[in-house]
N, C-alpha and C. Protein backbone atom coordinates (compact mmCIF):
# COMPACT_ATOMS: atom_id res chain seq x y z
N MET A 1 148.90 132.30 89.51
CA MET A 1 147.56 132.54 90.18
C MET A 1 146.89 131.23 90.45
N SER A 2 146.45 131.15 91.60
CA SER A 2 146.13 130.00 92.23
C SER A 2 144.70 130.07 92.37
N GLU A 3 144.16 128.92 92.29
CA GLU A 3 142.58 128.71 92.39
C GLU A 3 141.89 128.87 93.95
N THR A 4 140.78 129.36 94.32
CA THR A 4 140.71 129.11 95.64
C THR A 4 138.91 128.17 95.56
N ALA A 5 139.27 126.90 96.43
CA ALA A 5 138.07 125.89 96.38
C ALA A 5 136.65 126.80 97.20
N ILE A 6 135.51 126.93 96.86
CA ILE A 6 134.74 127.06 97.82
C ILE A 6 134.02 125.95 98.33
N ILE A 7 133.89 125.46 99.56
CA ILE A 7 133.41 124.86 100.15
C ILE A 7 132.18 125.09 101.22
N ASP A 8 131.11 124.24 100.83
CA ASP A 8 129.78 124.41 101.21
C ASP A 8 129.74 123.61 102.54
N GLN A 9 129.85 124.20 103.84
CA GLN A 9 129.73 123.99 104.81
C GLN A 9 128.15 122.83 105.29
N ASN A 10 127.44 123.30 104.18
CA ASN A 10 126.10 122.15 104.76
C ASN A 10 126.08 121.40 103.44
N ALA A 11 126.94 121.44 102.70
CA ALA A 11 126.64 120.20 101.96
C ALA A 11 127.00 119.03 102.44
N ARG A 12 125.86 117.84 102.16
CA ARG A 12 125.98 116.40 102.31
C ARG A 12 127.22 116.03 101.83
N PRO A 13 128.03 114.93 102.34
CA PRO A 13 128.76 113.91 101.28
C PRO A 13 128.37 112.83 100.55
N ALA A 14 128.61 112.90 99.21
CA ALA A 14 128.27 111.84 97.89
C ALA A 14 128.10 110.45 98.56
N THR A 15 127.07 109.82 98.47
CA THR A 15 126.74 108.29 99.27
C THR A 15 127.30 107.88 97.81
N VAL A 16 128.42 107.13 98.12
CA VAL A 16 129.05 105.60 97.10
C VAL A 16 128.32 104.44 97.12
N THR A 17 128.06 103.69 96.33
CA THR A 17 127.26 102.39 96.39
C THR A 17 128.33 102.06 95.74
N PRO A 18 128.40 100.73 96.19
CA PRO A 18 129.50 99.27 95.87
C PRO A 18 128.90 98.87 94.53
N ALA A 19 129.77 98.82 93.49
CA ALA A 19 129.10 98.54 92.04
C ALA A 19 128.37 97.17 92.24
N GLY A 20 127.45 97.30 91.58
CA GLY A 20 126.11 96.07 91.68
C GLY A 20 125.32 96.13 92.77
N ALA A 21 125.45 97.13 93.47
CA ALA A 21 124.84 97.27 95.16
C ALA A 21 123.27 97.98 94.58
N VAL A 22 122.43 97.60 95.16
CA VAL A 22 121.26 98.13 95.02
C VAL A 22 121.42 99.65 95.83
N THR A 23 120.42 100.47 95.18
CA THR A 23 120.41 102.01 95.59
C THR A 23 119.06 102.01 96.88
N PRO A 24 119.16 103.15 97.91
CA PRO A 24 117.91 103.40 98.34
C PRO A 24 116.72 103.61 97.17
N ALA A 25 116.82 103.91 96.46
CA ALA A 25 116.18 104.93 95.62
C ALA A 25 115.52 103.21 94.77
N GLU A 26 116.43 102.77 93.79
CA GLU A 26 116.31 101.24 93.51
C GLU A 26 115.87 100.55 94.52
N ALA A 27 115.55 100.09 95.64
CA ALA A 27 114.89 99.12 96.55
C ALA A 27 113.36 99.66 96.67
N ALA A 28 113.32 101.20 97.01
CA ALA A 28 112.17 101.75 96.79
C ALA A 28 111.18 101.70 95.72
N ALA A 29 111.78 101.57 94.49
CA ALA A 29 110.95 100.87 93.71
C ALA A 29 110.59 99.45 93.30
N MET A 30 111.90 98.91 93.79
CA MET A 30 111.56 97.52 93.78
C MET A 30 110.19 97.17 94.54
N LEU A 31 110.31 97.70 95.70
CA LEU A 31 109.34 97.73 96.99
C LEU A 31 107.79 97.76 96.36
N ARG A 32 107.83 99.31 95.54
CA ARG A 32 106.47 99.56 95.14
C ARG A 32 105.94 98.59 94.16
N ALA A 33 106.75 97.70 92.97
CA ALA A 33 106.51 97.42 92.24
C ALA A 33 106.04 95.92 92.76
N VAL A 34 106.51 95.17 93.91
CA VAL A 34 106.68 94.09 94.54
C VAL A 34 104.92 93.78 95.28
N PHE A 35 104.82 95.43 95.62
CA PHE A 35 103.30 95.91 96.47
C PHE A 35 102.35 95.48 95.30
N ASN A 36 102.43 95.95 93.61
CA ASN A 36 101.83 95.96 92.96
C ASN A 36 101.85 94.18 92.48
N LEU A 37 102.68 93.58 92.38
CA LEU A 37 102.61 92.06 91.78
C LEU A 37 102.12 91.38 93.42
N PHE A 38 101.98 91.85 94.35
CA PHE A 38 101.03 90.88 95.61
C PHE A 38 99.76 91.30 95.35
N ARG A 39 99.41 92.18 94.58
CA ARG A 39 97.83 92.34 94.70
C ARG A 39 97.41 91.42 93.17
N LEU A 40 98.61 91.12 92.17
CA LEU A 40 97.83 90.37 91.18
C LEU A 40 98.12 88.74 91.55
N TRP A 41 99.37 88.63 92.37
CA TRP A 41 99.56 87.08 93.09
C TRP A 41 97.95 86.78 94.08
N GLN A 42 97.10 87.93 94.45
CA GLN A 42 96.07 88.07 95.51
C GLN A 42 96.84 87.31 97.05
N VAL A 43 98.06 88.30 97.29
CA VAL A 43 98.56 87.89 98.72
C VAL A 43 98.25 88.95 99.49
N ASN A 44 97.78 88.43 100.69
CA ASN A 44 97.32 89.23 101.70
C ASN A 44 98.30 89.47 102.24
N ASP A 45 97.79 90.57 103.47
CA ASP A 45 99.03 91.31 103.95
C ASP A 45 99.73 90.35 105.11
N ALA A 46 99.18 89.69 105.88
CA ALA A 46 99.96 88.17 106.38
C ALA A 46 101.15 87.73 105.58
N GLN A 47 100.19 87.17 104.74
CA GLN A 47 101.40 86.35 103.35
C GLN A 47 102.36 87.59 102.81
N ALA A 48 102.22 88.61 102.97
CA ALA A 48 103.07 89.29 102.28
C ALA A 48 104.56 90.08 103.42
N ARG A 49 103.99 90.29 104.71
CA ARG A 49 104.99 90.69 105.48
C ARG A 49 105.58 89.66 105.53
N VAL A 50 105.41 88.31 105.40
CA VAL A 50 106.48 86.76 105.42
C VAL A 50 107.39 87.13 104.73
N LEU A 51 106.93 87.38 103.00
CA LEU A 51 107.54 87.37 101.89
C LEU A 51 108.47 88.22 102.06
N LEU A 52 108.35 89.23 102.89
CA LEU A 52 109.21 90.73 102.67
C LEU A 52 110.40 90.48 104.21
N GLY A 53 110.01 89.17 104.51
CA GLY A 53 110.67 89.21 106.05
C GLY A 53 110.70 89.61 107.19
N GLN A 54 108.97 89.50 107.31
CA GLN A 54 108.59 90.03 108.72
C GLN A 54 109.02 91.34 109.02
N PRO A 55 108.67 92.57 108.38
CA PRO A 55 109.01 93.59 108.44
C PRO A 55 107.81 93.65 110.02
N SER A 56 108.29 94.87 110.60
CA SER A 56 106.96 95.45 112.16
C SER A 56 106.04 95.74 110.90
N ALA A 57 104.63 95.57 111.74
CA ALA A 57 103.40 95.70 111.13
C ALA A 57 103.29 97.73 110.74
N SER A 58 103.84 98.30 111.35
CA SER A 58 103.76 99.74 111.33
C SER A 58 105.16 99.68 109.87
N THR A 59 106.07 99.43 109.92
CA THR A 59 107.10 99.37 108.78
C THR A 59 105.86 99.05 107.77
N PHE A 60 105.73 97.78 107.72
CA PHE A 60 104.98 97.46 106.25
C PHE A 60 103.44 98.31 106.17
N TYR A 61 103.08 98.81 106.89
CA TYR A 61 102.06 99.63 106.65
C TYR A 61 102.32 101.10 106.04
N ARG A 62 103.36 101.53 106.44
CA ARG A 62 104.24 102.57 105.79
C ARG A 62 104.89 102.14 104.56
N TRP A 63 105.09 101.30 104.24
CA TRP A 63 105.76 100.98 102.95
C TRP A 63 104.41 100.89 102.25
N LYS A 64 103.56 100.10 102.31
CA LYS A 64 102.52 100.31 101.36
C LYS A 64 101.81 100.95 101.29
N ARG A 65 101.60 102.23 101.97
CA ARG A 65 101.03 103.37 101.70
C ARG A 65 102.29 104.22 100.82
N GLY A 66 103.55 104.01 100.56
CA GLY A 66 104.30 104.63 99.79
C GLY A 66 105.70 105.58 100.78
N THR A 67 105.23 105.17 101.98
CA THR A 67 106.58 106.03 102.10
C THR A 67 107.38 104.61 102.81
N ILE A 68 108.87 105.17 101.98
CA ILE A 68 109.55 104.07 101.95
C ILE A 68 111.18 104.96 102.51
N GLY A 69 111.48 104.11 103.39
CA GLY A 69 112.84 105.05 103.82
C GLY A 69 113.60 103.85 103.55
N ALA A 70 114.65 103.43 104.67
CA ALA A 70 115.57 102.68 104.56
C ALA A 70 115.23 101.20 104.31
N VAL A 71 115.39 100.66 103.67
CA VAL A 71 115.33 98.87 103.35
C VAL A 71 116.08 98.30 103.56
N PRO A 72 116.17 97.14 104.88
CA PRO A 72 116.60 96.20 105.12
C PRO A 72 117.45 95.54 104.13
N SER A 73 119.04 95.36 104.10
CA SER A 73 119.36 94.08 103.15
C SER A 73 118.99 93.09 102.68
N ASP A 74 118.21 92.36 103.50
CA ASP A 74 117.40 91.28 104.10
C ASP A 74 116.14 91.15 102.73
N THR A 75 115.69 92.73 103.16
CA THR A 75 114.34 92.90 102.14
C THR A 75 114.64 92.93 100.78
N VAL A 76 115.83 93.29 100.51
CA VAL A 76 116.53 93.65 99.26
C VAL A 76 116.68 92.60 98.52
N TRP A 77 117.32 91.57 99.04
CA TRP A 77 117.36 90.37 98.96
C TRP A 77 116.27 89.88 98.29
N ARG A 78 115.32 89.47 99.34
CA ARG A 78 113.86 89.13 98.78
C ARG A 78 113.27 89.56 97.83
N LEU A 79 113.68 91.07 97.66
CA LEU A 79 112.89 91.91 96.41
C LEU A 79 113.41 91.39 94.78
N GLY A 80 114.80 91.22 95.44
CA GLY A 80 115.11 90.56 93.79
C GLY A 80 114.81 89.46 93.83
N ASP A 81 114.84 88.14 94.72
CA ASP A 81 114.37 87.65 94.51
C ASP A 81 112.46 87.18 93.73
N LEU A 82 112.04 87.92 94.41
CA LEU A 82 110.57 88.17 94.17
C LEU A 82 110.46 88.45 92.36
N MET A 83 111.65 89.97 92.12
CA MET A 83 111.21 90.56 90.99
C MET A 83 111.84 89.68 89.65
N GLY A 84 112.68 89.00 90.40
CA GLY A 84 113.74 87.40 89.39
C GLY A 84 112.04 86.49 89.32
N ILE A 85 111.53 85.87 90.10
CA ILE A 85 109.89 85.21 89.75
C ILE A 85 108.81 85.26 88.90
N HIS A 86 108.39 87.15 89.50
CA HIS A 86 107.83 88.04 87.68
C HIS A 86 108.32 87.65 86.84
N LYS A 87 109.89 87.88 86.85
CA LYS A 87 110.56 87.76 85.23
C LYS A 87 110.28 86.98 84.59
N ALA A 88 110.66 85.38 85.31
CA ALA A 88 111.00 84.24 84.51
C ALA A 88 109.17 84.07 84.71
N LEU A 89 108.23 84.33 85.44
CA LEU A 89 106.79 83.95 84.73
C LEU A 89 106.27 84.79 83.60
N ARG A 90 107.11 85.81 83.40
CA ARG A 90 106.52 86.61 82.26
C ARG A 90 107.43 85.87 81.22
N HIS A 91 107.94 85.55 81.19
CA HIS A 91 108.88 84.63 80.14
C HIS A 91 107.95 83.41 80.23
N LEU A 92 107.92 82.69 80.96
CA LEU A 92 107.11 81.39 80.53
C LEU A 92 106.07 81.52 80.23
N PHE A 93 104.85 82.49 80.51
CA PHE A 93 103.65 82.37 80.13
C PHE A 93 103.24 84.04 79.38
N THR A 94 102.84 83.36 77.80
CA THR A 94 102.30 84.58 77.08
C THR A 94 101.37 85.35 77.70
N ASP A 95 100.13 84.70 78.65
CA ASP A 95 99.18 85.33 79.26
C ASP A 95 99.88 85.60 80.49
N PRO A 96 99.83 87.10 80.98
CA PRO A 96 100.40 87.10 82.42
C PRO A 96 99.24 87.06 83.03
N ALA A 97 98.12 86.67 83.08
CA ALA A 97 97.06 86.15 84.26
C ALA A 97 97.61 84.79 84.71
N ARG A 98 97.85 83.59 83.46
CA ARG A 98 97.93 82.63 83.78
C ARG A 98 99.07 82.64 84.60
N GLY A 99 100.09 83.32 84.39
CA GLY A 99 101.52 83.57 85.81
C GLY A 99 101.32 83.94 86.77
N TYR A 100 100.20 84.99 86.50
CA TYR A 100 99.89 85.11 88.21
C TYR A 100 99.25 84.48 88.88
N ALA A 101 98.13 83.62 88.46
CA ALA A 101 97.96 82.30 88.80
C ALA A 101 98.41 80.96 89.23
N TRP A 102 99.51 81.16 88.31
CA TRP A 102 100.68 79.34 88.59
C TRP A 102 101.10 79.59 90.18
N VAL A 103 101.44 80.89 90.44
CA VAL A 103 101.75 81.00 91.88
C VAL A 103 101.28 80.46 92.90
N ALA A 104 99.71 80.02 92.76
CA ALA A 104 98.81 79.71 93.61
C ALA A 104 98.79 78.23 93.64
N ARG A 105 98.73 78.06 92.58
CA ARG A 105 98.71 76.10 91.78
C ARG A 105 99.39 75.38 92.23
N PRO A 106 98.96 74.22 93.17
CA PRO A 106 99.86 73.19 93.26
C PRO A 106 100.80 72.47 92.04
N ASN A 107 101.79 72.38 92.66
CA ASN A 107 102.88 72.06 91.64
C ASN A 107 103.80 70.60 92.63
N THR A 108 103.90 69.60 91.74
CA THR A 108 105.13 68.80 91.66
C THR A 108 106.24 68.93 92.36
N ALA A 109 106.49 70.12 91.58
CA ALA A 109 108.03 70.41 91.54
C ALA A 109 108.34 71.02 93.34
N PHE A 110 107.17 71.30 93.90
CA PHE A 110 107.37 72.12 95.53
C PHE A 110 106.58 70.56 96.13
N GLY A 111 106.78 69.38 95.72
CA GLY A 111 106.20 68.23 97.28
C GLY A 111 104.53 68.81 96.57
N GLY A 112 103.56 69.16 95.54
CA GLY A 112 102.18 69.55 95.70
C GLY A 112 101.93 70.70 96.44
N GLN A 113 102.70 71.38 96.67
CA GLN A 113 102.28 72.36 97.40
C GLN A 113 102.46 73.73 96.01
N SER A 114 101.65 74.92 96.57
CA SER A 114 102.17 76.12 95.60
C SER A 114 103.17 76.65 95.68
N ALA A 115 103.68 77.66 94.65
CA ALA A 115 105.39 78.28 94.71
C ALA A 115 104.99 79.11 96.06
N LEU A 116 103.51 79.66 95.91
CA LEU A 116 103.27 81.22 97.48
C LEU A 116 103.43 79.94 98.43
N ASP A 117 103.01 78.60 98.50
CA ASP A 117 103.38 77.68 99.79
C ASP A 117 104.63 78.01 100.01
N ARG A 118 105.31 77.24 99.44
CA ARG A 118 106.68 77.42 99.59
C ARG A 118 107.62 78.36 99.93
N MET A 119 107.52 79.68 99.12
CA MET A 119 107.57 80.80 99.54
C MET A 119 107.40 81.10 100.70
N LEU A 120 106.39 81.19 101.36
CA LEU A 120 105.52 81.15 102.89
C LEU A 120 106.29 80.42 104.15
N ALA A 121 107.18 79.65 103.81
CA ALA A 121 107.90 78.97 104.80
C ALA A 121 108.93 79.99 105.47
N GLY A 122 109.14 80.83 104.77
CA GLY A 122 109.52 82.22 105.31
C GLY A 122 111.31 82.41 105.13
N ALA A 123 111.72 81.44 104.95
CA ALA A 123 113.33 81.48 104.42
C ALA A 123 113.40 82.27 103.50
N PRO A 124 114.61 83.30 103.39
CA PRO A 124 114.90 83.61 101.98
C PRO A 124 115.55 82.23 101.09
N SER A 125 115.34 81.28 101.43
CA SER A 125 116.33 80.47 100.82
C SER A 125 114.83 79.84 99.69
N ASP A 126 113.82 79.94 100.08
CA ASP A 126 113.02 79.42 99.77
C ASP A 126 111.99 80.34 98.56
N LEU A 127 112.69 81.43 99.12
CA LEU A 127 112.28 82.30 97.58
C LEU A 127 113.23 81.87 96.60
N SER A 128 114.40 81.68 96.96
CA SER A 128 115.32 81.79 95.75
C SER A 128 115.16 80.46 95.02
N ALA A 129 114.53 79.13 96.29
CA ALA A 129 114.06 78.10 95.28
C ALA A 129 113.06 78.11 94.08
N VAL A 130 112.38 78.84 94.62
CA VAL A 130 110.76 79.07 93.47
C VAL A 130 111.76 79.56 92.26
N ARG A 131 112.57 80.93 92.68
CA ARG A 131 113.56 81.68 91.57
C ARG A 131 114.54 80.42 90.82
N ALA A 132 115.20 79.80 91.10
CA ALA A 132 116.63 78.89 90.68
C ALA A 132 115.34 78.02 89.80
N TYR A 133 113.98 77.38 90.44
CA TYR A 133 113.20 76.39 89.21
C TYR A 133 112.83 77.26 88.36
N LEU A 134 112.40 78.47 88.33
CA LEU A 134 111.72 79.07 86.92
C LEU A 134 112.63 79.49 86.37
N ASP A 135 113.98 79.74 86.42
CA ASP A 135 115.26 80.21 85.92
C ASP A 135 115.26 78.97 85.13
N ALA A 136 115.42 77.44 85.79
CA ALA A 136 115.72 76.59 85.20
C ALA A 136 114.58 75.90 84.20
N GLU A 137 113.39 76.43 84.57
CA GLU A 137 112.44 75.60 83.27
C GLU A 137 112.51 76.85 82.06
N ARG A 138 112.95 77.63 82.40
CA ARG A 138 112.94 78.86 81.25
C ARG A 138 114.30 78.38 80.59
N GLY A 139 114.81 77.90 81.01
CA GLY A 139 116.53 77.88 80.12
C GLY A 139 117.46 78.68 81.46
N GLY A 140 117.56 79.23 81.88
CA GLY A 140 117.92 79.49 83.32
C GLY A 140 118.78 81.11 82.04
N TRP A 141 120.16 81.41 82.74
CA TRP A 141 120.59 82.29 81.92
C TRP A 141 121.60 81.91 80.83
């Protein structure tokens, strides 16, 4: 006796995500978390757009309202670094408010600029440099 497979003609194919890749749902969650982080860091919208890789104004404000569709891979990488910076600060400072304030304070590690100033230079490597500095300060992985 043979079995017959029933095929749903309207079914969508399953999306396969490579191992270690960020899913669209994870990217959306990271983006929502980063908007909260920007509020705590007192980052304005113009600065936030730079930190997110200069999305168009309409995309940025749509994301800020919580309507998040596809997130470009460059932005996903930036979100990863921003979340890593947040995590490192939470490990380094027992008082979260001190960690949030640290971002805007001048720092000799960044030539007298703040970590935020360094990140606002705009290149993804600027975010990575701040994250690497903090990871080294807390003992890395």
